Amino acid sequence: MTRNMEVDPFNVSMRKFLKQVGVTSQHAIEKAVEDAGLQGKGTLTVKAVITAEGTPLNHVVEGEIDLG
C-alpha cells in the first residue's frame, strides 16, 4: 500500500465525529427555529462548544445564522 492510500484512523474517526456534529446540530437548530416561530425574523446567535474528556480542550465557535 502506498503512502497516499494509507488510511489514518485518527483522521477518519475525527471526520466521522465532525460530520455527526454538523448534521445533528443543523437538525437541532432547524427544530429550535421552527418551534420558536423564528423563520424569516432576523438572525439567530449561536454558539458551539467542543470539549474532549481528559484534555484541556474547550473550543468555542460563535456566529450568527440568517433566518431569511
PDB file of N, CA and C in Angstrom:
ATOM      1  N   MET A   1       0.854  -1.175   0.000  1.00  0.00           N
ATOM      2  CA  MET A   1       0.000   0.000   0.000  1.00  0.00           C
ATOM      3  C   MET A   1       0.894   1.231   0.000  1.00  0.00           C
ATOM      4  N   THR A   2       0.631   2.175  -0.902  1.00  0.00           N
ATOM      5  CA  THR A   2       1.444   3.384  -0.953  1.00  0.00           C
ATOM      6  C   THR A   2       1.028   4.337   0.148  1.00  0.00           C
ATOM      7  N   ARG A   3       1.900   5.276   0.425  1.00  0.00           N
ATOM      8  CA  ARG A   3       1.637   6.243   1.496  1.00  0.00           C
ATOM      9  C   ARG A   3       0.326   7.010   1.262  1.00  0.00           C
ATOM     10  N   ASN A   4       0.024   7.376   0.029  1.00  0.00           N
ATOM     11  CA  ASN A   4      -1.197   8.125  -0.278  1.00  0.00           C
ATOM     12  C   ASN A   4      -2.457   7.302  -0.051  1.00  0.00           C
ATOM     13  N   MET A   5      -2.334   5.984  -0.099  1.00  0.00           N
ATOM     14  CA  MET A   5      -3.507   5.124   0.037  1.00  0.00           C
ATOM     15  C   MET A   5      -3.726   4.674   1.483  1.00  0.00           C
ATOM     16  N   GLU A   6      -2.774   4.980   2.365  1.00  0.00           N
ATOM     17  CA  GLU A   6      -2.930   4.579   3.758  1.00  0.00           C
ATOM     18  C   GLU A   6      -4.068   5.364   4.403  1.00  0.00           C
ATOM     19  N   VAL A   7      -4.778   4.710   5.289  1.00  0.00           N
ATOM     20  CA  VAL A   7      -5.884   5.358   5.993  1.00  0.00           C
ATOM     21  C   VAL A   7      -5.421   5.667   7.406  1.00  0.00           C
ATOM     22  N   ASP A   8      -5.540   6.925   7.794  1.00  0.00           N
ATOM     23  CA  ASP A   8      -5.170   7.359   9.136  1.00  0.00           C
ATOM     24  C   ASP A   8      -6.417   7.240  10.014  1.00  0.00           C
ATOM     25  N   PRO A   9      -6.444   6.258  10.925  1.00  0.00           N
ATOM     26  CA  PRO A   9      -7.644   6.049  11.755  1.00  0.00           C
ATOM     27  C   PRO A   9      -8.065   7.295  12.541  1.00  0.00           C
ATOM     28  N   PHE A  10      -7.103   8.076  13.016  1.00  0.00           N
ATOM     29  CA  PHE A  10      -7.426   9.294  13.768  1.00  0.00           C
ATOM     30  C   PHE A  10      -8.223  10.265  12.898  1.00  0.00           C
ATOM     31  N   ASN A  11      -7.735  10.545  11.690  1.00  0.00           N
ATOM     32  CA  ASN A  11      -8.430  11.486  10.816  1.00  0.00           C
ATOM     33  C   ASN A  11      -9.779  10.960  10.360  1.00  0.00           C
ATOM     34  N   VAL A  12      -9.881   9.677  10.081  1.00  0.00           N
ATOM     35  CA  VAL A  12     -11.157   9.088   9.678  1.00  0.00           C
ATOM     36  C   VAL A  12     -12.169   9.217  10.807  1.00  0.00           C
ATOM     37  N   SER A  13     -11.737   8.892  12.022  1.00  0.00           N
ATOM     38  CA  SER A  13     -12.617   8.969  13.185  1.00  0.00           C
ATOM     39  C   SER A  13     -13.029  10.411  13.469  1.00  0.00           C
ATOM     40  N   MET A  14     -12.072  11.349  13.357  1.00  0.00           N
ATOM     41  CA  MET A  14     -12.377  12.752  13.615  1.00  0.00           C
ATOM     42  C   MET A  14     -13.366  13.282  12.582  1.00  0.00           C
ATOM     43  N   ARG A  15     -13.160  12.947  11.319  1.00  0.00           N
ATOM     44  CA  ARG A  15     -14.086  13.398  10.277  1.00  0.00           C
ATOM     45  C   ARG A  15     -15.495  12.837  10.487  1.00  0.00           C
ATOM     46  N   LYS A  16     -15.584  11.589  10.920  1.00  0.00           N
ATOM     47  CA  LYS A  16     -16.884  10.979  11.210  1.00  0.00           C
ATOM     48  C   LYS A  16     -17.578  11.722  12.353  1.00  0.00           C
ATOM     49  N   PHE A  17     -16.820  12.042  13.417  1.00  0.00           N
ATOM     50  CA  PHE A  17     -17.381  12.789  14.548  1.00  0.00           C
ATOM     51  C   PHE A  17     -17.850  14.165  14.106  1.00  0.00           C
ATOM     52  N   LEU A  18     -17.016  14.885  13.353  1.00  0.00           N
ATOM     53  CA  LEU A  18     -17.370  16.239  12.927  1.00  0.00           C
ATOM     54  C   LEU A  18     -18.577  16.238  11.992  1.00  0.00           C
ATOM     55  N   LYS A  19     -18.707  15.215  11.158  1.00  0.00           N
ATOM     56  CA  LYS A  19     -19.885  15.096  10.306  1.00  0.00           C
ATOM     57  C   LYS A  19     -21.132  14.910  11.165  1.00  0.00           C
ATOM     58  N   GLN A  20     -21.021  14.057  12.188  1.00  0.00           N
ATOM     59  CA  GLN A  20     -22.148  13.836  13.097  1.00  0.00           C
ATOM     60  C   GLN A  20     -22.509  15.130  13.826  1.00  0.00           C
ATOM     61  N   VAL A  21     -21.516  15.882  14.277  1.00  0.00           N
ATOM     62  CA  VAL A  21     -21.763  17.164  14.944  1.00  0.00           C
ATOM     63  C   VAL A  21     -22.508  18.098  14.004  1.00  0.00           C
ATOM     64  N   GLY A  22     -22.041  18.198  12.774  1.00  0.00           N
ATOM     65  CA  GLY A  22     -22.663  19.102  11.812  1.00  0.00           C
ATOM     66  C   GLY A  22     -24.098  18.747  11.506  1.00  0.00           C
ATOM     67  N   VAL A  23     -24.341  17.490  11.222  1.00  0.00           N
ATOM     68  CA  VAL A  23     -25.693  17.052  10.839  1.00  0.00           C
ATOM     69  C   VAL A  23     -26.659  17.174  12.016  1.00  0.00           C
ATOM     70  N   THR A  24     -26.258  16.677  13.180  1.00  0.00           N
ATOM     71  CA  THR A  24     -27.177  16.718  14.329  1.00  0.00           C
ATOM     72  C   THR A  24     -27.399  18.153  14.809  1.00  0.00           C
ATOM     73  N   SER A  25     -26.370  18.986  14.714  1.00  0.00           N
ATOM     74  CA  SER A  25     -26.518  20.386  15.116  1.00  0.00           C
ATOM     75  C   SER A  25     -27.461  21.120  14.179  1.00  0.00           C
ATOM     76  N   GLN A  26     -27.335  20.864  12.887  1.00  0.00           N
ATOM     77  CA  GLN A  26     -28.224  21.511  11.926  1.00  0.00           C
ATOM     78  C   GLN A  26     -29.670  21.143  12.213  1.00  0.00           C
ATOM     79  N   HIS A  27     -29.933  19.862  12.462  1.00  0.00           N
ATOM     80  CA  HIS A  27     -31.307  19.438  12.759  1.00  0.00           C
ATOM     81  C   HIS A  27     -31.820  20.093  14.039  1.00  0.00           C
ATOM     82  N   ALA A  28     -30.980  20.165  15.062  1.00  0.00           N
ATOM     83  CA  ALA A  28     -31.393  20.767  16.336  1.00  0.00           C
ATOM     84  C   ALA A  28     -31.694  22.257  16.166  1.00  0.00           C
ATOM     85  N   ILE A  29     -30.874  22.961  15.397  1.00  0.00           N
ATOM     86  CA  ILE A  29     -31.094  24.399  15.172  1.00  0.00           C
ATOM     87  C   ILE A  29     -32.363  24.610  14.358  1.00  0.00           C
ATOM     88  N   GLU A  30     -32.553  23.814  13.305  1.00  0.00           N
ATOM     89  CA  GLU A  30     -33.766  23.934  12.499  1.00  0.00           C
ATOM     90  C   GLU A  30     -35.015  23.724  13.347  1.00  0.00           C
ATOM     91  N   LYS A  31     -34.999  22.730  14.226  1.00  0.00           N
ATOM     92  CA  LYS A  31     -36.147  22.462  15.088  1.00  0.00           C
ATOM     93  C   LYS A  31     -36.377  23.605  16.069  1.00  0.00           C
ATOM     94  N   ALA A  32     -35.301  24.130  16.645  1.00  0.00           N
ATOM     95  CA  ALA A  32     -35.435  25.244  17.595  1.00  0.00           C
ATOM     96  C   ALA A  32     -36.026  26.478  16.914  1.00  0.00           C
ATOM     97  N   VAL A  33     -35.575  26.765  15.697  1.00  0.00           N
ATOM     98  CA  VAL A  33     -36.094  27.911  14.949  1.00  0.00           C
ATOM     99  C   VAL A  33     -37.573  27.697  14.626  1.00  0.00           C
ATOM    100  N   GLU A  34     -37.911  26.502  14.179  1.00  0.00           N
ATOM    101  CA  GLU A  34     -39.308  26.199  13.856  1.00  0.00           C
ATOM    102  C   GLU A  34     -40.189  26.270  15.099  1.00  0.00           C
ATOM    103  N   ASP A  35     -39.755  25.640  16.190  1.00  0.00           N
ATOM    104  CA  ASP A  35     -40.548  25.615  17.424  1.00  0.00           C
ATOM    105  C   ASP A  35     -40.764  27.015  17.994  1.00  0.00           C
ATOM    106  N   ALA A  36     -39.780  27.900  17.811  1.00  0.00           N
ATOM    107  CA  ALA A  36     -39.890  29.262  18.337  1.00  0.00           C
ATOM    108  C   ALA A  36     -40.547  30.220  17.342  1.00  0.00           C
ATOM    109  N   GLY A  37     -40.876  29.716  16.164  1.00  0.00           N
ATOM    110  CA  GLY A  37     -41.518  30.567  15.157  1.00  0.00           C
ATOM    111  C   GLY A  37     -40.629  31.695  14.669  1.00  0.00           C
ATOM    112  N   LEU A  38     -39.344  31.418  14.514  1.00  0.00           N
ATOM    113  CA  LEU A  38     -38.384  32.469  14.169  1.00  0.00           C
ATOM    114  C   LEU A  38     -38.049  32.562  12.678  1.00  0.00           C
ATOM    115  N   GLN A  39     -38.653  31.727  11.843  1.00  0.00           N
ATOM    116  CA  GLN A  39     -38.343  31.769  10.421  1.00  0.00           C
ATOM    117  C   GLN A  39     -38.579  33.176   9.874  1.00  0.00           C
ATOM    118  N   GLY A  40     -37.601  33.686   9.122  1.00  0.00           N
ATOM    119  CA  GLY A  40     -37.737  34.997   8.494  1.00  0.00           C
ATOM    120  C   GLY A  40     -37.624  36.164   9.439  1.00  0.00           C
ATOM    121  N   LYS A  41     -37.136  35.945  10.651  1.00  0.00           N
ATOM    122  CA  LYS A  41     -37.096  37.011  11.659  1.00  0.00           C
ATOM    123  C   LYS A  41     -35.667  37.353  12.078  1.00  0.00           C
ATOM    124  N   GLY A  42     -34.917  37.951  11.169  1.00  0.00           N
ATOM    125  CA  GLY A  42     -33.594  38.454  11.529  1.00  0.00           C
ATOM    126  C   GLY A  42     -32.513  37.396  11.570  1.00  0.00           C
ATOM    127  N   THR A  43     -31.768  37.406  12.658  1.00  0.00           N
ATOM    128  CA  THR A  43     -30.656  36.470  12.801  1.00  0.00           C
ATOM    129  C   THR A  43     -30.754  35.737  14.132  1.00  0.00           C
ATOM    130  N   LEU A  44     -30.095  34.603  14.177  1.00  0.00           N
ATOM    131  CA  LEU A  44     -30.032  33.800  15.389  1.00  0.00           C
ATOM    132  C   LEU A  44     -28.569  33.690  15.790  1.00  0.00           C
ATOM    133  N   THR A  45     -28.244  34.113  16.998  1.00  0.00           N
ATOM    134  CA  THR A  45     -26.881  33.987  17.507  1.00  0.00           C
ATOM    135  C   THR A  45     -26.711  32.587  18.073  1.00  0.00           C
ATOM    136  N   VAL A  46     -25.656  31.908  17.638  1.00  0.00           N
ATOM    137  CA  VAL A  46     -25.419  30.531  18.058  1.00  0.00           C
ATOM    138  C   VAL A  46     -23.994  30.380  18.593  1.00  0.00           C
ATOM    139  N   LYS A  47     -23.820  29.354  19.419  1.00  0.00           N
ATOM    140  CA  LYS A  47     -22.505  29.038  19.965  1.00  0.00           C
ATOM    141  C   LYS A  47     -22.376  27.524  20.055  1.00  0.00           C
ATOM    142  N   ALA A  48     -21.220  27.014  19.634  1.00  0.00           N
ATOM    143  CA  ALA A  48     -20.919  25.594  19.769  1.00  0.00           C
ATOM    144  C   ALA A  48     -19.675  25.471  20.642  1.00  0.00           C
ATOM    145  N   VAL A  49     -19.724  24.536  21.570  1.00  0.00           N
ATOM    146  CA  VAL A  49     -18.590  24.305  22.468  1.00  0.00           C
ATOM    147  C   VAL A  49     -18.150  22.852  22.309  1.00  0.00           C
ATOM    148  N   ILE A  50     -16.877  22.661  22.007  1.00  0.00           N
ATOM    149  CA  ILE A  50     -16.313  21.318  21.876  1.00  0.00           C
ATOM    150  C   ILE A  50     -15.335  21.102  23.024  1.00  0.00           C
ATOM    151  N   THR A  51     -15.560  20.040  23.769  1.00  0.00           N
ATOM    152  CA  THR A  51     -14.630  19.654  24.832  1.00  0.00           C
ATOM    153  C   THR A  51     -14.186  18.223  24.562  1.00  0.00           C
ATOM    154  N   ALA A  52     -13.077  17.843  25.154  1.00  0.00           N
ATOM    155  CA  ALA A  52     -12.577  16.479  24.995  1.00  0.00           C
ATOM    156  C   ALA A  52     -12.161  15.971  26.356  1.00  0.00           C
ATOM    157  N   GLU A  53     -12.857  14.945  26.804  1.00  0.00           N
ATOM    158  CA  GLU A  53     -12.592  14.362  28.116  1.00  0.00           C
ATOM    159  C   GLU A  53     -11.110  14.016  28.269  1.00  0.00           C
ATOM    160  N   GLY A  54     -10.539  14.407  29.389  1.00  0.00           N
ATOM    161  CA  GLY A  54      -9.142  14.099  29.673  1.00  0.00           C
ATOM    162  C   GLY A  54      -8.152  15.062  29.053  1.00  0.00           C
ATOM    163  N   THR A  55      -8.675  16.123  28.428  1.00  0.00           N
ATOM    164  CA  THR A  55      -7.804  17.151  27.850  1.00  0.00           C
ATOM    165  C   THR A  55      -8.297  18.522  28.294  1.00  0.00           C
ATOM    166  N   PRO A  56      -7.482  19.552  28.135  1.00  0.00           N
ATOM    167  CA  PRO A  56      -7.939  20.904  28.476  1.00  0.00           C
ATOM    168  C   PRO A  56      -8.737  21.565  27.347  1.00  0.00           C
ATOM    169  N   LEU A  57      -9.085  20.815  26.307  1.00  0.00           N
ATOM    170  CA  LEU A  57      -9.789  21.393  25.154  1.00  0.00           C
ATOM    171  C   LEU A  57     -11.117  22.004  25.568  1.00  0.00           C
ATOM    172  N   ASN A  58     -11.309  23.259  25.177  1.00  0.00           N
ATOM    173  CA  ASN A  58     -12.581  23.969  25.353  1.00  0.00           C
ATOM    174  C   ASN A  58     -12.677  24.942  24.184  1.00  0.00           C
ATOM    175  N   HIS A  59     -13.056  24.407  23.017  1.00  0.00           N
ATOM    176  CA  HIS A  59     -13.086  25.183  21.777  1.00  0.00           C
ATOM    177  C   HIS A  59     -14.488  25.751  21.577  1.00  0.00           C
ATOM    178  N   VAL A  60     -14.571  27.068  21.430  1.00  0.00           N
ATOM    179  CA  VAL A  60     -15.856  27.744  21.280  1.00  0.00           C
ATOM    180  C   VAL A  60     -15.921  28.387  19.890  1.00  0.00           C
ATOM    181  N   VAL A  61     -17.021  28.123  19.191  1.00  0.00           N
ATOM    182  CA  VAL A  61     -17.276  28.756  17.905  1.00  0.00           C
ATOM    183  C   VAL A  61     -18.591  29.504  18.043  1.00  0.00           C
ATOM    184  N   GLU A  62     -18.559  30.799  17.747  1.00  0.00           N
ATOM    185  CA  GLU A  62     -19.764  31.616  17.831  1.00  0.00           C
ATOM    186  C   GLU A  62     -20.057  32.223  16.475  1.00  0.00           C
ATOM    187  N   GLY A  63     -21.323  32.432  16.193  1.00  0.00           N
ATOM    188  CA  GLY A  63     -21.693  33.037  14.929  1.00  0.00           C
ATOM    189  C   GLY A  63     -23.160  33.370  14.889  1.00  0.00           C
ATOM    190  N   GLU A  64     -23.570  33.871  13.725  1.00  0.00           N
ATOM    191  CA  GLU A  64     -24.966  34.210  13.524  1.00  0.00           C
ATOM    192  C   GLU A  64     -25.489  33.480  12.295  1.00  0.00           C
ATOM    193  N   ILE A  65     -26.745  33.082  12.366  1.00  0.00           N
ATOM    194  CA  ILE A  65     -27.420  32.428  11.255  1.00  0.00           C
ATOM    195  C   ILE A  65     -28.531  33.354  10.784  1.00  0.00           C
ATOM    196  N   ASP A  66     -28.512  33.657   9.494  1.00  0.00           N
ATOM    197  CA  ASP A  66     -29.543  34.496   8.876  1.00  0.00           C
ATOM    198  C   ASP A  66     -30.825  33.668   8.763  1.00  0.00           C
ATOM    199  N   LEU A  67     -31.874  34.135   9.361  1.00  0.00           N
ATOM    200  CA  LEU A  67     -33.136  33.401   9.376  1.00  0.00           C
ATOM    201  C   LEU A  67     -34.016  33.710   8.162  1.00  0.00           C
ATOM    202  N   GLY A  68     -33.458  34.508   7.251  1.00  0.00           N
ATOM    203  CA  GLY A  68     -34.156  34.756   5.994  1.00  0.00           C
ATOM    204  C   GLY A  68     -35.222  35.768   6.102  1.00  0.00           C
TER     205      GLY A  68
END
